[in-house]
Amino acid sequence: MSAELLAAAGDQLPEDVGKSGPLGLLLTLLLLIAVFFLVRSMSKHLKRVPRSFDPAERFDEVPDTPAELLEPGPGEQVLDELRKAPRAIESRGTGDDRPDHPARE
């Protein structure tokens, strides 16, 4: 069997060695077309990217009148409710883990 393989390898003409067939040409053309579409898609996506990712400078708004100083801002109502009911945010323990609790003394 190995003699047949060596004989088949010896039948090749030297000018046929290293040449690509039509399948190689087709594969090369398909790869070039794929690269073209990938480059086109990437250039579209890069045009949509902002020039800088740095956050825009934000300035704190200064109220125009003193009455606006007293108006509650966003989240003030929630903070006021938590200040009025501080037990709502504490752990659900028995309470004897505090150092000033009478049960520890």
Protein backbone atom coordinates (compact mmCIF):
# COMPACT_ATOMS: atom_id res chain seq x y z
CA MET A 1 0.00 0.00 0.00
CA SER A 2 2.78 2.45 0.85
CA ALA A 3 4.40 1.65 -2.50
CA GLU A 4 1.20 2.74 -4.26
CA LEU A 5 1.20 6.06 -2.36
CA LEU A 6 4.80 6.70 -3.30
CA ALA A 7 4.05 5.85 -6.91
CA ALA A 8 1.04 8.21 -6.91
CA ALA A 9 3.16 11.00 -5.45
CA GLY A 10 5.78 10.39 -8.13
CA ASP A 11 3.18 10.80 -10.90
CA GLN A 12 2.71 14.51 -10.13
CA LEU A 13 4.31 16.83 -12.57
CA PRO A 14 6.50 19.59 -11.06
CA GLU A 15 4.48 22.39 -12.67
CA ASP A 16 1.30 21.24 -10.80
CA VAL A 17 2.91 21.57 -7.37
CA GLY A 18 1.89 24.69 -5.46
CA LYS A 19 -0.84 25.89 -7.78
CA SER A 20 -4.25 26.65 -6.37
CA GLY A 21 -7.39 25.54 -8.06
CA PRO A 22 -10.67 27.31 -8.68
CA LEU A 23 -11.79 26.45 -5.15
CA GLY A 24 -8.90 28.52 -3.74
CA LEU A 25 -9.86 31.47 -5.93
CA LEU A 26 -13.48 31.24 -4.80
CA LEU A 27 -12.45 31.08 -1.15
CA THR A 28 -10.15 34.09 -1.56
CA LEU A 29 -12.90 36.12 -3.24
CA LEU A 30 -15.39 35.22 -0.49
CA LEU A 31 -12.93 36.30 2.19
CA LEU A 32 -12.27 39.61 0.42
CA ILE A 33 -16.01 40.29 0.14
CA ALA A 34 -16.48 39.49 3.84
CA VAL A 35 -13.63 41.84 4.79
CA PHE A 36 -15.18 44.59 2.65
CA PHE A 37 -18.53 44.32 4.45
CA LEU A 38 -16.87 44.13 7.87
CA VAL A 39 -14.85 47.30 7.20
CA ARG A 40 -17.96 49.10 5.97
CA SER A 41 -19.93 48.08 9.05
CA MET A 42 -17.13 49.06 11.42
CA SER A 43 -16.79 52.49 9.83
CA LYS A 44 -20.54 53.08 10.32
CA HIS A 45 -20.28 52.11 13.97
CA LEU A 46 -17.22 54.29 14.54
CA LYS A 47 -19.07 57.31 13.16
CA ARG A 48 -21.68 56.86 15.92
CA VAL A 49 -19.11 56.82 18.74
CA PRO A 50 -18.88 60.14 20.61
CA ARG A 51 -15.60 62.05 20.42
CA SER A 52 -15.11 61.87 24.16
CA PHE A 53 -16.54 59.72 26.93
CA ASP A 54 -15.74 62.31 29.58
CA PRO A 55 -18.83 63.45 31.46
CA ALA A 56 -20.10 66.86 30.54
CA GLU A 57 -19.36 69.53 33.10
CA ARG A 58 -22.33 69.87 35.38
CA PHE A 59 -22.95 73.02 37.30
CA ASP A 60 -25.07 73.06 40.43
CA GLU A 61 -28.15 75.12 39.92
CA VAL A 62 -28.36 78.12 42.19
CA PRO A 63 -31.92 78.97 43.27
CA ASP A 64 -33.26 82.32 42.09
CA THR A 65 -35.29 83.10 45.20
CA PRO A 66 -34.99 82.23 48.89
CA ALA A 67 -38.29 80.35 48.65
CA GLU A 68 -36.68 77.85 46.31
CA LEU A 69 -34.12 77.06 49.00
CA LEU A 70 -36.89 75.74 51.23
CA GLU A 71 -38.60 73.65 48.57
CA PRO A 72 -37.87 69.95 48.95
CA GLY A 73 -35.60 68.50 46.31
CA PRO A 74 -35.82 65.06 44.78
CA GLY A 75 -35.75 62.37 47.44
CA GLU A 76 -36.37 64.75 50.34
CA GLN A 77 -39.76 63.21 51.08
CA VAL A 78 -38.22 59.75 51.43
CA LEU A 79 -35.50 61.10 53.71
CA ASP A 80 -38.08 62.84 55.88
CA GLU A 81 -40.08 59.63 56.23
CA LEU A 82 -36.96 57.74 57.25
CA ARG A 83 -36.04 60.40 59.79
CA LYS A 84 -39.51 60.18 61.33
CA ALA A 85 -39.41 56.36 61.55
CA PRO A 86 -35.78 55.38 62.20
CA ARG A 87 -36.78 51.93 63.46
CA ALA A 88 -37.85 51.05 59.94
CA ILE A 89 -34.23 50.97 58.77
CA GLU A 90 -32.70 49.21 61.79
CA SER A 91 -32.17 45.48 61.92
CA ARG A 92 -34.95 43.25 63.22
CA GLY A 93 -32.90 42.08 66.22
CA THR A 94 -34.06 42.06 69.85
CA GLY A 95 -32.31 45.31 70.55
CA ASP A 96 -30.15 44.00 73.40
CA ASP A 97 -27.00 44.14 71.25
CA ARG A 98 -26.71 47.90 71.81
CA PRO A 99 -24.17 48.94 74.47
CA ASP A 100 -26.62 51.29 76.29
CA HIS A 101 -29.41 48.69 76.47
CA PRO A 102 -30.44 47.88 80.07
CA ALA A 103 -30.39 44.12 79.47
CA ARG A 104 -26.61 44.15 78.92
CA GLU A 105 -25.75 45.95 82.14
